[in-house]
Amino acid sequence: MNMKPLSESLMDLAVRVKEFEDSSAGARDKSRAALQARREKLTATLEHEGHEFEKTAAELRDAAQHWWSETQEALERQISVMRADFDKWQASIRAQHAGRPPELAEPANKG
């Protein structure tokens, strides 16, 4: 039987434990570095997407404001045309009534 002295076995064990610790620390550092790289990539992606979202939201807001302005202007033009037509119609009615005898003419303001 060839037995190693206890001190030599303990030294071998200490070397193996040290190798395991170093390997474990290396793996931990590598995992930490990979995690940090993923975090940085995700942060950059989120920032980019956030900027794109803000840009799109601003474009949509501008388009909506432009549409609303055009809609208001179109409505105002249509109302002006309707008012002008109504004024012409009222003038025509007044002209028709002006030619009648006073007893046949309707009052201008009812109410």
N, C-alpha and C. Protein backbone atom coordinates (compact mmCIF):
# COMPACT_ATOMS: atom_id res chain seq x y z
N MET A 1 0.81 -1.17 0.00
CA MET A 1 0.00 0.00 0.00
C MET A 1 0.86 1.24 0.00
N ASN A 2 0.51 2.07 -0.91
CA ASN A 2 1.28 3.29 -1.03
C ASN A 2 0.35 4.45 -0.70
N MET A 3 0.39 4.91 0.50
CA MET A 3 -0.45 6.00 0.95
C MET A 3 0.32 7.29 0.99
N LYS A 4 -0.38 8.34 0.53
CA LYS A 4 0.22 9.66 0.58
C LYS A 4 0.13 10.16 2.01
N PRO A 5 1.03 10.99 2.35
CA PRO A 5 0.91 11.61 3.66
C PRO A 5 -0.31 12.54 3.65
N LEU A 6 -0.91 12.71 4.78
CA LEU A 6 -2.10 13.54 4.94
C LEU A 6 -1.84 14.97 4.47
N SER A 7 -0.72 15.52 4.76
CA SER A 7 -0.42 16.89 4.35
C SER A 7 -0.38 17.00 2.83
N GLU A 8 0.13 15.97 2.15
CA GLU A 8 0.17 15.99 0.70
C GLU A 8 -1.25 15.88 0.11
N SER A 9 -2.08 15.05 0.69
CA SER A 9 -3.48 14.91 0.25
C SER A 9 -4.23 16.22 0.46
N LEU A 10 -3.95 16.87 1.58
CA LEU A 10 -4.59 18.16 1.85
C LEU A 10 -4.12 19.22 0.85
N MET A 11 -2.85 19.17 0.50
CA MET A 11 -2.32 20.11 -0.49
C MET A 11 -2.98 19.88 -1.85
N ASP A 12 -3.11 18.61 -2.25
CA ASP A 12 -3.78 18.28 -3.52
C ASP A 12 -5.23 18.77 -3.51
N LEU A 13 -5.89 18.55 -2.38
CA LEU A 13 -7.27 18.98 -2.23
C LEU A 13 -7.35 20.51 -2.30
N ALA A 14 -6.43 21.19 -1.68
CA ALA A 14 -6.41 22.65 -1.70
C ALA A 14 -6.21 23.17 -3.13
N VAL A 15 -5.35 22.51 -3.89
CA VAL A 15 -5.10 22.90 -5.29
C VAL A 15 -6.38 22.72 -6.10
N ARG A 16 -7.06 21.58 -5.92
CA ARG A 16 -8.30 21.31 -6.67
C ARG A 16 -9.40 22.30 -6.28
N VAL A 17 -9.48 22.63 -4.97
CA VAL A 17 -10.47 23.61 -4.52
C VAL A 17 -10.17 24.97 -5.15
N LYS A 18 -8.91 25.35 -5.19
CA LYS A 18 -8.50 26.62 -5.78
C LYS A 18 -8.85 26.65 -7.27
N GLU A 19 -8.59 25.55 -7.99
CA GLU A 19 -8.94 25.46 -9.41
C GLU A 19 -10.45 25.60 -9.60
N PHE A 20 -11.22 24.95 -8.73
CA PHE A 20 -12.68 25.04 -8.80
C PHE A 20 -13.15 26.47 -8.54
N GLU A 21 -12.56 27.10 -7.53
CA GLU A 21 -12.93 28.49 -7.22
C GLU A 21 -12.61 29.41 -8.38
N ASP A 22 -11.42 29.24 -8.97
CA ASP A 22 -11.02 30.07 -10.11
C ASP A 22 -11.96 29.85 -11.30
N SER A 23 -12.27 28.59 -11.55
CA SER A 23 -13.17 28.24 -12.65
C SER A 23 -14.55 28.83 -12.41
N SER A 24 -15.01 28.71 -11.17
CA SER A 24 -16.32 29.24 -10.80
C SER A 24 -16.33 30.76 -10.93
N ALA A 25 -15.28 31.41 -10.46
CA ALA A 25 -15.19 32.87 -10.56
C ALA A 25 -15.15 33.30 -12.03
N GLY A 26 -14.42 32.57 -12.85
CA GLY A 26 -14.35 32.88 -14.28
C GLY A 26 -15.71 32.75 -14.94
N ALA A 27 -16.41 31.67 -14.61
CA ALA A 27 -17.75 31.47 -15.18
C ALA A 27 -18.70 32.56 -14.70
N ARG A 28 -18.59 32.92 -13.43
CA ARG A 28 -19.44 33.98 -12.88
C ARG A 28 -19.15 35.31 -13.57
N ASP A 29 -17.86 35.62 -13.76
CA ASP A 29 -17.49 36.87 -14.44
C ASP A 29 -17.97 36.87 -15.89
N LYS A 30 -17.83 35.71 -16.54
CA LYS A 30 -18.28 35.59 -17.93
C LYS A 30 -19.80 35.77 -18.01
N SER A 31 -20.53 35.16 -17.09
CA SER A 31 -21.99 35.30 -17.06
C SER A 31 -22.38 36.74 -16.76
N ARG A 32 -21.67 37.36 -15.84
CA ARG A 32 -21.95 38.75 -15.50
C ARG A 32 -21.70 39.66 -16.71
N ALA A 33 -20.60 39.41 -17.42
CA ALA A 33 -20.29 40.21 -18.60
C ALA A 33 -21.36 40.00 -19.69
N ALA A 34 -21.79 38.75 -19.87
CA ALA A 34 -22.83 38.48 -20.87
C ALA A 34 -24.14 39.15 -20.46
N LEU A 35 -24.47 39.10 -19.19
CA LEU A 35 -25.68 39.73 -18.69
C LEU A 35 -25.61 41.25 -18.88
N GLN A 36 -24.46 41.82 -18.59
CA GLN A 36 -24.28 43.26 -18.76
C GLN A 36 -24.42 43.65 -20.24
N ALA A 37 -23.85 42.83 -21.12
CA ALA A 37 -23.95 43.10 -22.56
C ALA A 37 -25.41 43.04 -23.01
N ARG A 38 -26.14 42.04 -22.52
CA ARG A 38 -27.57 41.93 -22.87
C ARG A 38 -28.35 43.11 -22.33
N ARG A 39 -28.02 43.54 -21.11
CA ARG A 39 -28.70 44.68 -20.50
C ARG A 39 -28.45 45.94 -21.33
N GLU A 40 -27.20 46.15 -21.73
CA GLU A 40 -26.86 47.33 -22.54
C GLU A 40 -27.57 47.30 -23.89
N LYS A 41 -27.62 46.12 -24.50
CA LYS A 41 -28.31 45.99 -25.79
C LYS A 41 -29.80 46.26 -25.62
N LEU A 42 -30.39 45.72 -24.57
CA LEU A 42 -31.81 45.94 -24.31
C LEU A 42 -32.09 47.42 -24.04
N THR A 43 -31.22 48.06 -23.26
CA THR A 43 -31.39 49.48 -22.97
C THR A 43 -31.33 50.29 -24.27
N ALA A 44 -30.36 49.98 -25.12
CA ALA A 44 -30.24 50.69 -26.40
C ALA A 44 -31.47 50.46 -27.27
N THR A 45 -31.96 49.23 -27.30
CA THR A 45 -33.15 48.92 -28.09
C THR A 45 -34.36 49.67 -27.55
N LEU A 46 -34.52 49.69 -26.23
CA LEU A 46 -35.64 50.40 -25.64
C LEU A 46 -35.57 51.90 -25.91
N GLU A 47 -34.38 52.46 -25.83
CA GLU A 47 -34.21 53.89 -26.14
C GLU A 47 -34.58 54.17 -27.59
N HIS A 48 -34.10 53.31 -28.49
CA HIS A 48 -34.40 53.49 -29.92
C HIS A 48 -35.90 53.38 -30.16
N GLU A 49 -36.52 52.35 -29.60
CA GLU A 49 -37.97 52.16 -29.77
C GLU A 49 -38.74 53.33 -29.15
N GLY A 50 -38.26 53.82 -28.01
CA GLY A 50 -38.90 54.97 -27.37
C GLY A 50 -38.86 56.20 -28.26
N HIS A 51 -37.71 56.44 -28.89
CA HIS A 51 -37.57 57.59 -29.81
C HIS A 51 -38.48 57.40 -31.03
N GLU A 52 -38.53 56.18 -31.55
CA GLU A 52 -39.40 55.91 -32.69
C GLU A 52 -40.86 56.12 -32.32
N PHE A 53 -41.23 55.68 -31.12
CA PHE A 53 -42.61 55.85 -30.65
C PHE A 53 -42.94 57.34 -30.53
N GLU A 54 -42.03 58.11 -29.93
CA GLU A 54 -42.26 59.55 -29.79
C GLU A 54 -42.38 60.22 -31.16
N LYS A 55 -41.53 59.81 -32.09
CA LYS A 55 -41.57 60.38 -33.44
C LYS A 55 -42.90 60.05 -34.11
N THR A 56 -43.33 58.80 -34.01
CA THR A 56 -44.60 58.39 -34.61
C THR A 56 -45.76 59.11 -33.95
N ALA A 57 -45.73 59.23 -32.63
CA ALA A 57 -46.80 59.94 -31.92
C ALA A 57 -46.87 61.40 -32.35
N ALA A 58 -45.72 62.03 -32.52
CA ALA A 58 -45.69 63.43 -32.97
C ALA A 58 -46.25 63.55 -34.39
N GLU A 59 -45.89 62.61 -35.26
CA GLU A 59 -46.41 62.64 -36.63
C GLU A 59 -47.92 62.46 -36.64
N LEU A 60 -48.42 61.53 -35.82
CA LEU A 60 -49.86 61.30 -35.74
C LEU A 60 -50.58 62.52 -35.17
N ARG A 61 -49.98 63.13 -34.15
CA ARG A 61 -50.57 64.33 -33.55
C ARG A 61 -50.65 65.45 -34.59
N ASP A 62 -49.56 65.64 -35.35
CA ASP A 62 -49.56 66.67 -36.39
C ASP A 62 -50.60 66.37 -37.46
N ALA A 63 -50.70 65.11 -37.86
CA ALA A 63 -51.69 64.74 -38.88
C ALA A 63 -53.10 64.97 -38.37
N ALA A 64 -53.35 64.64 -37.11
CA ALA A 64 -54.69 64.84 -36.53
C ALA A 64 -55.01 66.33 -36.45
N GLN A 65 -54.03 67.14 -36.04
CA GLN A 65 -54.26 68.59 -35.96
C GLN A 65 -54.52 69.17 -37.35
N HIS A 66 -53.76 68.70 -38.33
CA HIS A 66 -53.95 69.17 -39.71
C HIS A 66 -55.34 68.78 -40.20
N TRP A 67 -55.75 67.52 -39.96
CA TRP A 67 -57.08 67.06 -40.36
C TRP A 67 -58.16 67.90 -39.68
N TRP A 68 -57.99 68.15 -38.39
CA TRP A 68 -59.00 68.92 -37.66
C TRP A 68 -59.10 70.34 -38.20
N SER A 69 -57.97 70.97 -38.50
CA SER A 69 -57.98 72.33 -39.07
C SER A 69 -58.69 72.34 -40.42
N GLU A 70 -58.36 71.37 -41.27
CA GLU A 70 -59.02 71.29 -42.58
C GLU A 70 -60.52 71.05 -42.43
N THR A 71 -60.89 70.19 -41.48
CA THR A 71 -62.30 69.89 -41.25
C THR A 71 -63.04 71.14 -40.78
N GLN A 72 -62.44 71.87 -39.84
CA GLN A 72 -63.07 73.10 -39.35
C GLN A 72 -63.22 74.12 -40.48
N GLU A 73 -62.18 74.28 -41.28
CA GLU A 73 -62.24 75.23 -42.39
C GLU A 73 -63.32 74.83 -43.39
N ALA A 74 -63.42 73.54 -43.70
CA ALA A 74 -64.44 73.06 -44.63
C ALA A 74 -65.84 73.31 -44.07
N LEU A 75 -66.01 73.05 -42.78
CA LEU A 75 -67.31 73.30 -42.15
C LEU A 75 -67.64 74.79 -42.17
N GLU A 76 -66.67 75.62 -41.86
CA GLU A 76 -66.90 77.08 -41.87
C GLU A 76 -67.25 77.57 -43.27
N ARG A 77 -66.58 77.02 -44.30
CA ARG A 77 -66.91 77.40 -45.68
C ARG A 77 -68.34 76.97 -46.02
N GLN A 78 -68.69 75.75 -45.63
CA GLN A 78 -70.03 75.25 -45.92
C GLN A 78 -71.10 76.08 -45.20
N ILE A 79 -70.83 76.42 -43.95
CA ILE A 79 -71.77 77.25 -43.18
C ILE A 79 -71.90 78.62 -43.83
N SER A 80 -70.80 79.19 -44.31
CA SER A 80 -70.85 80.49 -44.99
C SER A 80 -71.70 80.41 -46.25
N VAL A 81 -71.53 79.33 -47.01
CA VAL A 81 -72.34 79.14 -48.22
C VAL A 81 -73.81 79.02 -47.85
N MET A 82 -74.10 78.24 -46.80
CA MET A 82 -75.49 78.06 -46.36
C MET A 82 -76.09 79.38 -45.88
N ARG A 83 -75.30 80.18 -45.16
CA ARG A 83 -75.79 81.48 -44.70
C ARG A 83 -76.08 82.41 -45.88
N ALA A 84 -75.17 82.39 -46.85
CA ALA A 84 -75.37 83.23 -48.04
C ALA A 84 -76.64 82.80 -48.78
N ASP A 85 -76.83 81.48 -48.92
CA ASP A 85 -78.05 80.98 -49.57
C ASP A 85 -79.28 81.38 -48.78
N PHE A 86 -79.20 81.29 -47.46
CA PHE A 86 -80.33 81.65 -46.61
C PHE A 86 -80.63 83.14 -46.73
N ASP A 87 -79.57 83.96 -46.74
CA ASP A 87 -79.77 85.41 -46.89
C ASP A 87 -80.42 85.73 -48.24
N LYS A 88 -79.98 85.03 -49.32
CA LYS A 88 -80.60 85.23 -50.63
C LYS A 88 -82.07 84.83 -50.58
N TRP A 89 -82.35 83.72 -49.95
CA TRP A 89 -83.73 83.24 -49.85
C TRP A 89 -84.58 84.25 -49.09
N GLN A 90 -84.05 84.76 -47.96
CA GLN A 90 -84.80 85.76 -47.19
C GLN A 90 -85.04 87.03 -48.02
N ALA A 91 -84.02 87.45 -48.75
CA ALA A 91 -84.16 88.65 -49.59
C ALA A 91 -85.22 88.42 -50.67
N SER A 92 -85.24 87.22 -51.22
CA SER A 92 -86.24 86.89 -52.23
C SER A 92 -87.64 86.92 -51.64
N ILE A 93 -87.78 86.37 -50.43
CA ILE A 93 -89.08 86.39 -49.75
C ILE A 93 -89.51 87.83 -49.47
N ARG A 94 -88.57 88.64 -48.98
CA ARG A 94 -88.89 90.05 -48.70
C ARG A 94 -89.29 90.78 -49.98
N ALA A 95 -88.59 90.47 -51.07
CA ALA A 95 -88.91 91.11 -52.34
C ALA A 95 -90.30 90.69 -52.81
N GLN A 96 -90.63 89.43 -52.61
CA GLN A 96 -91.96 88.96 -52.99
C GLN A 96 -93.03 89.65 -52.15
N HIS A 97 -92.77 89.78 -50.86
CA HIS A 97 -93.74 90.42 -49.97
C HIS A 97 -93.81 91.93 -50.21
N ALA A 98 -92.74 92.50 -50.68
CA ALA A 98 -92.74 93.95 -50.93
C ALA A 98 -93.70 94.30 -52.06
N GLY A 99 -93.90 93.39 -52.97
CA GLY A 99 -94.79 93.65 -54.09
C GLY A 99 -96.26 93.43 -53.74
N ARG A 100 -96.58 92.85 -52.60
CA ARG A 100 -97.96 92.59 -52.21
C ARG A 100 -98.56 93.77 -51.46
N PRO A 101 -99.85 93.82 -51.44
CA PRO A 101 -100.48 94.84 -50.61
C PRO A 101 -100.19 94.54 -49.14
N PRO A 102 -100.09 95.53 -48.28
CA PRO A 102 -99.73 95.34 -46.87
C PRO A 102 -100.61 94.33 -46.14
N GLU A 103 -101.88 94.25 -46.48
CA GLU A 103 -102.75 93.31 -45.76
C GLU A 103 -102.45 91.85 -46.09
N LEU A 104 -101.79 91.56 -47.22
CA LEU A 104 -101.45 90.19 -47.59
C LEU A 104 -100.03 89.81 -47.16
N ALA A 105 -99.22 90.78 -46.87
CA ALA A 105 -97.83 90.51 -46.48
C ALA A 105 -97.78 89.92 -45.08
N GLU A 106 -96.90 88.93 -44.91
CA GLU A 106 -96.73 88.33 -43.58
C GLU A 106 -95.77 89.18 -42.77
N PRO A 107 -95.91 89.15 -41.47
CA PRO A 107 -94.95 89.90 -40.65
C PRO A 107 -93.55 89.31 -40.83
N ALA A 108 -92.54 90.17 -40.80
CA ALA A 108 -91.16 89.72 -40.99
C ALA A 108 -90.67 88.90 -39.82
N ASN A 109 -91.03 89.29 -38.63
CA ASN A 109 -90.58 88.57 -37.43
C ASN A 109 -91.77 87.96 -36.72
N LYS A 110 -91.81 86.66 -36.69
CA LYS A 110 -92.85 85.97 -35.91
C LYS A 110 -92.19 85.54 -34.62
N GLY A 111 -92.91 85.60 -33.56
CA GLY A 111 -92.27 85.05 -32.42
C GLY A 111 -92.63 85.60 -31.16
